[in-house]
């Protein structure tokens, strides 16, 4: 969820500058999401995530196409409440790069790569009602590729696309304050996505 929220800010940037002529620009995007996750095993949780992404990119125009290349970094903080009791938080620091290519006929390809450093803190609630706390750090890396076609009609644009996203984190062992050991396994995600984005351009 943290990776996706941070990635979405860069995807939105790439989508917003398609067909826009500029040289170099800085940008920022705030993150403010709330997620409720439920599981059959009762290990659900509620997450509130806030953060900020900052980036800079340049556009290079050619005879029939243009490319955009950029760098970004960001920070986000997540507060998590577990259905079984207890709470935790995650501080995420991210750094990445992105590029996009767009032909004058509307075809485009975008790519994003990013790395993350996660600082995790847990305040757990045991079955006997006692509490225990612990913390650990983990690292993550991911990539995203999207390809589609952009149709423009006046101030409206429609953009059907196909995207693939991959993400992995390393596993960590840590010990809670009551001596209980925990093993956090590796996380690996590979996802395919198809969709359509509709936008309206309005000059301010």
Protein backbone atom coordinates (compact mmCIF):
# COMPACT_ATOMS: atom_id res chain seq x y z
CA UNK A 1 0.00 0.00 0.00
CA UNK A 2 2.84 2.41 0.78
CA UNK A 3 4.64 1.57 -2.46
CA UNK A 4 1.48 2.03 -4.53
CA UNK A 5 0.60 5.38 -2.92
CA UNK A 6 4.07 6.74 -3.64
CA UNK A 7 4.09 5.31 -7.17
CA UNK A 8 0.73 6.89 -7.95
CA UNK A 9 2.17 10.39 -7.48
CA UNK A 10 4.72 9.74 -10.24
CA UNK A 11 2.15 8.10 -12.52
CA UNK A 12 -0.07 11.15 -12.12
CA UNK A 13 2.86 13.41 -13.02
CA UNK A 14 3.60 11.44 -16.19
CA UNK A 15 -0.07 11.54 -17.16
CA UNK A 16 -0.48 15.26 -16.50
CA UNK A 17 2.36 16.40 -18.78
CA UNK A 18 1.44 14.40 -21.87
CA UNK A 19 1.09 16.81 -24.78
CA UNK A 20 2.43 19.71 -22.70
CA UNK A 21 5.38 21.70 -24.04
CA UNK A 22 7.97 22.78 -21.46
CA UNK A 23 11.72 22.52 -20.85
CA UNK A 24 12.41 21.72 -17.19
CA UNK A 25 10.02 21.85 -14.24
CA UNK A 26 9.84 20.98 -10.57
CA UNK A 27 6.70 19.45 -9.09
CA UNK A 28 5.26 18.18 -5.83
CA UNK A 29 2.39 15.91 -4.88
CA UNK A 30 0.82 15.27 -1.47
CA UNK A 31 -0.35 11.83 -0.31
CA UNK A 32 -3.34 11.42 1.99
CA UNK A 33 -5.04 8.02 1.91
CA UNK A 34 -6.98 5.78 4.26
CA UNK A 35 -7.22 2.01 3.77
CA UNK A 36 -9.23 -0.69 5.51
CA UNK A 37 -7.93 -4.22 4.93
CA UNK A 38 -9.90 -7.27 6.04
CA UNK A 39 -8.85 -10.94 6.01
CA UNK A 40 -10.61 -14.22 6.69
CA UNK A 41 -8.14 -14.91 9.51
CA UNK A 42 -9.14 -11.73 11.33
CA UNK A 43 -5.73 -10.11 10.84
CA UNK A 44 -7.11 -6.98 9.22
CA UNK A 45 -5.94 -3.46 9.84
CA UNK A 46 -6.71 0.20 9.18
CA UNK A 47 -4.01 2.41 7.69
CA UNK A 48 -3.79 6.20 7.45
CA UNK A 49 -0.99 7.33 5.13
CA UNK A 50 0.29 10.87 4.56
CA UNK A 51 3.34 12.00 2.65
CA UNK A 52 4.94 14.22 0.03
CA UNK A 53 6.75 13.52 -3.24
CA UNK A 54 9.06 16.08 -4.88
CA UNK A 55 10.42 15.76 -8.40
CA UNK A 56 12.14 17.46 -11.30
CA UNK A 57 11.98 16.54 -14.98
CA UNK A 58 12.87 17.76 -18.45
CA UNK A 59 11.10 17.33 -21.76
CA UNK A 60 12.96 16.71 -25.03
CA UNK A 61 11.07 17.19 -28.30
CA UNK A 62 11.87 15.49 -31.59
CA UNK A 63 10.30 15.71 -35.03
CA UNK A 64 7.50 13.19 -34.39
CA UNK A 65 7.83 12.37 -30.69
CA UNK A 66 8.96 13.64 -27.32
CA UNK A 67 10.53 12.15 -24.20
CA UNK A 68 10.49 13.13 -20.54
CA UNK A 69 13.12 12.16 -17.96
CA UNK A 70 12.95 12.89 -14.27
CA UNK A 71 14.04 12.15 -10.72
CA UNK A 72 11.98 12.15 -7.53
CA UNK A 73 12.23 11.57 -3.82
CA UNK A 74 9.66 11.44 -1.08
CA UNK A 75 8.67 10.67 2.47
CA UNK A 76 5.51 9.14 3.88
CA UNK A 77 4.22 8.15 7.32
CA UNK A 78 1.65 5.44 7.99
CA UNK A 79 -0.31 4.90 11.21
CA UNK A 80 -1.73 1.37 11.44
CA UNK A 81 -4.32 -0.02 13.83
CA UNK A 82 -4.73 -3.81 13.94
CA UNK A 83 -8.14 -5.45 14.32
CA UNK A 84 -6.75 -7.83 16.95
CA UNK A 85 -5.41 -4.93 19.00
CA UNK A 86 -2.12 -3.10 18.92
CA UNK A 87 -0.79 -0.53 16.52
CA UNK A 88 2.22 0.32 14.42
CA UNK A 89 3.68 2.88 12.10
CA UNK A 90 5.90 2.97 9.01
CA UNK A 91 8.19 5.79 7.92
CA UNK A 92 9.10 5.40 4.25
CA UNK A 93 11.88 7.19 2.39
CA UNK A 94 11.84 6.75 -1.38
CA UNK A 95 14.10 7.70 -4.29
CA UNK A 96 13.56 6.97 -7.96
CA UNK A 97 13.69 7.88 -11.62
CA UNK A 98 11.15 7.90 -14.42
CA UNK A 99 10.96 8.35 -18.17
CA UNK A 100 8.23 8.64 -20.76
CA UNK A 101 8.00 8.55 -24.55
CA UNK A 102 5.05 9.84 -26.56
CA UNK A 103 4.51 9.81 -30.33
CA UNK A 104 2.53 12.55 -32.02
CA UNK A 105 -0.12 9.96 -32.96
CA UNK A 106 -0.87 9.44 -29.22
CA UNK A 107 1.00 6.20 -28.51
CA UNK A 108 3.12 6.31 -25.35
CA UNK A 109 5.30 4.27 -23.00
CA UNK A 110 6.13 5.25 -19.39
CA UNK A 111 8.56 3.66 -16.94
CA UNK A 112 9.32 4.18 -13.24
CA UNK A 113 11.95 2.61 -10.97
CA UNK A 114 12.20 3.33 -7.24
CA UNK A 115 13.83 2.14 -4.04
CA UNK A 116 12.46 2.47 -0.50
CA UNK A 117 13.76 2.40 3.05
CA UNK A 118 11.10 1.44 5.59
CA UNK A 119 11.40 2.13 9.33
CA UNK A 120 8.79 -0.05 11.06
CA UNK A 121 7.60 0.24 14.67
CA UNK A 122 5.17 -2.22 16.30
CA UNK A 123 3.24 -1.97 19.56
CA UNK A 124 1.63 -5.39 19.78
CA UNK A 125 -1.08 -6.73 22.05
CA UNK A 126 -0.59 -10.27 23.34
CA UNK A 127 -3.36 -12.82 23.92
CA UNK A 128 -3.07 -12.27 27.71
CA UNK A 129 -3.64 -8.52 27.26
CA UNK A 130 -0.01 -7.52 27.79
CA UNK A 131 1.72 -5.21 25.32
CA UNK A 132 5.12 -5.47 23.67
CA UNK A 133 6.96 -3.28 21.23
CA UNK A 134 9.71 -3.61 18.67
CA UNK A 135 11.15 -2.02 15.57
CA UNK A 136 13.08 -2.98 12.45
CA UNK A 137 14.19 -1.55 9.12
CA UNK A 138 13.64 -3.06 5.68
CA UNK A 139 14.42 -2.21 2.08
CA UNK A 140 12.24 -2.34 -1.00
CA UNK A 141 12.60 -1.91 -4.75
CA UNK A 142 10.09 -1.81 -7.55
CA UNK A 143 9.44 -0.95 -11.17
CA UNK A 144 6.43 0.05 -13.25
CA UNK A 145 5.89 0.03 -17.02
CA UNK A 146 2.80 1.44 -18.73
CA UNK A 147 1.87 1.64 -22.40
CA UNK A 148 -1.23 3.05 -24.03
CA UNK A 149 -2.77 5.49 -26.47
CA UNK A 150 -4.01 9.03 -25.86
CA UNK A 151 -6.93 10.44 -27.85
CA UNK A 152 -7.57 14.19 -27.62
CA UNK A 153 -10.85 15.94 -28.45
CA UNK A 154 -10.69 19.62 -27.61
CA UNK A 155 -9.99 19.94 -23.90
CA UNK A 156 -10.86 16.29 -23.22
CA UNK A 157 -8.48 13.34 -23.48
CA UNK A 158 -9.06 9.59 -23.13
CA UNK A 159 -6.15 7.28 -22.39
CA UNK A 160 -6.61 3.48 -22.39
CA UNK A 161 -3.54 1.70 -21.03
CA UNK A 162 -1.94 -1.58 -19.99
CA UNK A 163 0.52 -1.58 -17.07
CA UNK A 164 2.78 -3.99 -15.19
CA UNK A 165 4.15 -3.38 -11.69
CA UNK A 166 6.68 -5.37 -9.68
CA UNK A 167 7.81 -4.83 -6.09
CA UNK A 168 9.93 -6.72 -3.55
CA UNK A 169 11.18 -6.20 0.01
CA UNK A 170 13.80 -8.06 2.01
CA UNK A 171 12.90 -10.19 5.02
CA UNK A 172 13.86 -9.22 8.56
CA UNK A 173 14.02 -10.85 12.01
CA UNK A 174 13.37 -8.77 15.11
CA UNK A 175 12.70 -9.27 18.82
CA UNK A 176 9.86 -7.69 20.78
CA UNK A 177 10.40 -6.15 24.20
CA UNK A 178 8.96 -9.28 25.88
CA UNK A 179 11.56 -11.51 24.20
CA UNK A 180 9.27 -12.89 21.50
CA UNK A 181 11.00 -13.25 18.14
CA UNK A 182 9.29 -12.43 14.86
CA UNK A 183 10.28 -13.31 11.31
CA UNK A 184 9.03 -10.98 8.57
CA UNK A 185 9.33 -12.76 5.23
CA UNK A 186 10.13 -11.30 1.85
CA UNK A 187 7.30 -9.57 0.01
CA UNK A 188 7.06 -10.07 -3.75
CA UNK A 189 4.31 -8.58 -5.90
CA UNK A 190 3.79 -8.75 -9.66
CA UNK A 191 0.62 -7.12 -10.97
CA UNK A 192 -0.95 -6.49 -14.38
CA UNK A 193 -3.44 -3.67 -14.80
CA UNK A 194 -5.67 -2.44 -17.61
CA UNK A 195 -7.70 0.74 -17.45
CA UNK A 196 -8.77 4.00 -19.00
CA UNK A 197 -7.94 7.50 -17.76
CA UNK A 198 -10.18 10.43 -18.71
CA UNK A 199 -8.98 13.99 -18.19
CA UNK A 200 -10.09 17.54 -18.87
CA UNK A 201 -7.59 20.34 -19.38
CA UNK A 202 -8.52 23.70 -17.91
CA UNK A 203 -6.31 26.78 -18.08
CA UNK A 204 -6.17 28.79 -14.85
